[in-house]
């Protein structure tokens, strides 16, 4: 069982921002920005590539709610998902990083 599934099952504590029956948002334990949260489906999908569009539709709506709750919908935020080894995915469970609360730096390779 992956670490995010253990968090969903309440085997590992987290600092929850928002939760519903299908999705969970919690603070990253190693934040890269003033606001750095992770948004995950409670059901396990290894990555974006294998997640059904119906789940992504719900995840999109949930992400809008997270941005509203964090008060960053107007000021802006960066939303990132990593896919596979070359994409930098460390946990094999679909998750989005929402970074906000300050000006987010350039992406790797961006000029």
C-alpha atoms as a PDB file:
ATOM      1  CA  UNK A   1       0.000   0.000   0.000  1.00  0.00           C
ATOM      2  CA  UNK A   2       1.420   3.417  -0.944  1.00  0.00           C
ATOM      3  CA  UNK A   3       1.952   6.260   1.531  1.00  0.00           C
ATOM      4  CA  UNK A   4      -1.005   8.264   0.183  1.00  0.00           C
ATOM      5  CA  UNK A   5      -3.337   5.286   0.571  1.00  0.00           C
ATOM      6  CA  UNK A   6      -2.129   5.009   4.175  1.00  0.00           C
ATOM      7  CA  UNK A   7      -2.947   8.697   4.654  1.00  0.00           C
ATOM      8  CA  UNK A   8      -6.423   8.167   3.162  1.00  0.00           C
ATOM      9  CA  UNK A   9      -6.919   5.185   5.510  1.00  0.00           C
ATOM     10  CA  UNK A  10      -5.813   7.358   8.462  1.00  0.00           C
ATOM     11  CA  UNK A  11      -2.832   5.111   9.190  1.00  0.00           C
ATOM     12  CA  UNK A  12      -0.572   8.153   8.795  1.00  0.00           C
ATOM     13  CA  UNK A  13      -1.664  11.566  10.128  1.00  0.00           C
ATOM     14  CA  UNK A  14      -1.826  14.634   7.901  1.00  0.00           C
ATOM     15  CA  UNK A  15      -2.709  18.309   8.075  1.00  0.00           C
ATOM     16  CA  UNK A  16      -5.972  18.266   6.103  1.00  0.00           C
ATOM     17  CA  UNK A  17      -7.073  21.347   4.183  1.00  0.00           C
ATOM     18  CA  UNK A  18     -10.222  19.934   2.571  1.00  0.00           C
ATOM     19  CA  UNK A  19     -11.801  16.513   2.205  1.00  0.00           C
ATOM     20  CA  UNK A  20     -14.874  14.943   0.683  1.00  0.00           C
ATOM     21  CA  UNK A  21     -15.899  11.367  -0.133  1.00  0.00           C
ATOM     22  CA  UNK A  22     -13.637  11.123  -3.203  1.00  0.00           C
ATOM     23  CA  UNK A  23     -10.711  13.517  -2.672  1.00  0.00           C
ATOM     24  CA  UNK A  24      -8.316  14.762  -0.039  1.00  0.00           C
ATOM     25  CA  UNK A  25      -6.101  17.843   0.167  1.00  0.00           C
ATOM     26  CA  UNK A  26      -3.381  18.158   2.795  1.00  0.00           C
ATOM     27  CA  UNK A  27      -0.253  20.205   3.459  1.00  0.00           C
ATOM     28  CA  UNK A  28       3.020  18.868   2.032  1.00  0.00           C
ATOM     29  CA  UNK A  29       5.447  17.872   4.812  1.00  0.00           C
ATOM     30  CA  UNK A  30       8.360  19.402   2.862  1.00  0.00           C
ATOM     31  CA  UNK A  31       6.877  22.607   1.394  1.00  0.00           C
ATOM     32  CA  UNK A  32       8.568  24.236  -1.607  1.00  0.00           C
ATOM     33  CA  UNK A  33       6.514  27.433  -1.286  1.00  0.00           C
ATOM     34  CA  UNK A  34       4.622  29.427   1.367  1.00  0.00           C
ATOM     35  CA  UNK A  35       1.522  27.384   0.506  1.00  0.00           C
ATOM     36  CA  UNK A  36       2.234  23.856  -0.739  1.00  0.00           C
ATOM     37  CA  UNK A  37      -0.560  21.318  -0.601  1.00  0.00           C
ATOM     38  CA  UNK A  38      -1.156  17.938  -2.206  1.00  0.00           C
ATOM     39  CA  UNK A  39      -4.481  17.061  -3.810  1.00  0.00           C
ATOM     40  CA  UNK A  40      -5.257  13.376  -4.314  1.00  0.00           C
ATOM     41  CA  UNK A  41      -8.116  11.068  -5.199  1.00  0.00           C
ATOM     42  CA  UNK A  42      -8.864   8.687  -2.350  1.00  0.00           C
ATOM     43  CA  UNK A  43      -9.009   5.807  -4.827  1.00  0.00           C
ATOM     44  CA  UNK A  44      -5.573   4.658  -5.966  1.00  0.00           C
ATOM     45  CA  UNK A  45      -4.469   5.500  -9.503  1.00  0.00           C
ATOM     46  CA  UNK A  46      -0.743   5.218 -10.205  1.00  0.00           C
ATOM     47  CA  UNK A  47      -0.580   8.440 -12.232  1.00  0.00           C
ATOM     48  CA  UNK A  48      -2.420  10.879 -14.459  1.00  0.00           C
ATOM     49  CA  UNK A  49      -1.907   8.524 -17.427  1.00  0.00           C
ATOM     50  CA  UNK A  50      -4.186   5.840 -15.982  1.00  0.00           C
ATOM     51  CA  UNK A  51      -6.794   7.995 -14.266  1.00  0.00           C
ATOM     52  CA  UNK A  52     -10.266   7.943 -15.859  1.00  0.00           C
ATOM     53  CA  UNK A  53     -11.581  11.267 -17.213  1.00  0.00           C
ATOM     54  CA  UNK A  54     -14.568  11.052 -14.849  1.00  0.00           C
ATOM     55  CA  UNK A  55     -12.200  11.116 -11.862  1.00  0.00           C
ATOM     56  CA  UNK A  56     -10.271  14.033 -13.347  1.00  0.00           C
ATOM     57  CA  UNK A  57     -13.534  15.972 -13.737  1.00  0.00           C
ATOM     58  CA  UNK A  58     -14.255  15.594 -10.033  1.00  0.00           C
ATOM     59  CA  UNK A  59     -10.648  16.351  -9.127  1.00  0.00           C
ATOM     60  CA  UNK A  60     -10.801  19.571 -11.140  1.00  0.00           C
ATOM     61  CA  UNK A  61     -13.897  20.764  -9.276  1.00  0.00           C
ATOM     62  CA  UNK A  62     -12.309  19.799  -5.943  1.00  0.00           C
ATOM     63  CA  UNK A  63      -9.130  21.699  -6.841  1.00  0.00           C
ATOM     64  CA  UNK A  64     -11.197  24.840  -7.474  1.00  0.00           C
ATOM     65  CA  UNK A  65     -12.674  24.431  -3.982  1.00  0.00           C
ATOM     66  CA  UNK A  66      -9.186  24.049  -2.492  1.00  0.00           C
ATOM     67  CA  UNK A  67      -7.957  27.243  -4.200  1.00  0.00           C
ATOM     68  CA  UNK A  68     -11.013  29.089  -2.888  1.00  0.00           C
ATOM     69  CA  UNK A  69     -10.526  27.779   0.656  1.00  0.00           C
ATOM     70  CA  UNK A  70      -6.826  28.716   0.639  1.00  0.00           C
ATOM     71  CA  UNK A  71      -7.694  32.202  -0.635  1.00  0.00           C
ATOM     72  CA  UNK A  72      -5.454  31.948  -3.715  1.00  0.00           C
ATOM     73  CA  UNK A  73      -8.042  31.765  -6.482  1.00  0.00           C
ATOM     74  CA  UNK A  74      -7.600  35.452  -7.369  1.00  0.00           C
ATOM     75  CA  UNK A  75      -3.860  35.856  -6.721  1.00  0.00           C
ATOM     76  CA  UNK A  76      -2.940  32.683  -8.582  1.00  0.00           C
ATOM     77  CA  UNK A  77      -1.193  29.390  -8.023  1.00  0.00           C
ATOM     78  CA  UNK A  78       0.794  26.697  -9.800  1.00  0.00           C
ATOM     79  CA  UNK A  79      -0.654  23.222 -10.214  1.00  0.00           C
ATOM     80  CA  UNK A  80       1.766  20.386 -11.008  1.00  0.00           C
ATOM     81  CA  UNK A  81       1.553  16.647 -11.446  1.00  0.00           C
ATOM     82  CA  UNK A  82       4.544  14.435 -12.149  1.00  0.00           C
ATOM     83  CA  UNK A  83       4.226  11.298 -14.276  1.00  0.00           C
ATOM     84  CA  UNK A  84       6.767   8.467 -14.186  1.00  0.00           C
ATOM     85  CA  UNK A  85      10.459   8.471 -13.353  1.00  0.00           C
ATOM     86  CA  UNK A  86      11.505  11.004 -15.987  1.00  0.00           C
ATOM     87  CA  UNK A  87       8.689  13.306 -14.858  1.00  0.00           C
ATOM     88  CA  UNK A  88       9.941  13.200 -11.266  1.00  0.00           C
ATOM     89  CA  UNK A  89       7.072  11.207  -9.777  1.00  0.00           C
ATOM     90  CA  UNK A  90       8.166   9.955  -6.357  1.00  0.00           C
ATOM     91  CA  UNK A  91       4.894   8.504  -5.045  1.00  0.00           C
ATOM     92  CA  UNK A  92       2.995   6.184  -7.410  1.00  0.00           C
ATOM     93  CA  UNK A  93      -0.425   7.656  -6.595  1.00  0.00           C
ATOM     94  CA  UNK A  94      -1.956  10.461  -8.672  1.00  0.00           C
ATOM     95  CA  UNK A  95      -1.389  13.746  -6.888  1.00  0.00           C
ATOM     96  CA  UNK A  96      -1.252  17.411  -7.732  1.00  0.00           C
ATOM     97  CA  UNK A  97       0.977  19.925  -5.991  1.00  0.00           C
ATOM     98  CA  UNK A  98      -0.696  23.309  -5.520  1.00  0.00           C
ATOM     99  CA  UNK A  99       1.922  26.006  -4.881  1.00  0.00           C
ATOM    100  CA  UNK A 100       0.877  29.527  -3.904  1.00  0.00           C
ATOM    101  CA  UNK A 101       1.113  32.333  -1.393  1.00  0.00           C
ATOM    102  CA  UNK A 102       4.088  33.989  -3.065  1.00  0.00           C
ATOM    103  CA  UNK A 103       5.486  34.433  -6.562  1.00  0.00           C
ATOM    104  CA  UNK A 104       6.347  30.950  -7.811  1.00  0.00           C
ATOM    105  CA  UNK A 105       9.715  30.666  -9.590  1.00  0.00           C
ATOM    106  CA  UNK A 106      10.373  29.518 -13.111  1.00  0.00           C
ATOM    107  CA  UNK A 107      10.100  25.909 -14.119  1.00  0.00           C
ATOM    108  CA  UNK A 108      13.227  23.895 -14.819  1.00  0.00           C
ATOM    109  CA  UNK A 109      14.491  24.757 -18.293  1.00  0.00           C
ATOM    110  CA  UNK A 110      12.289  27.847 -18.556  1.00  0.00           C
ATOM    111  CA  UNK A 111      14.053  30.979 -19.841  1.00  0.00           C
END
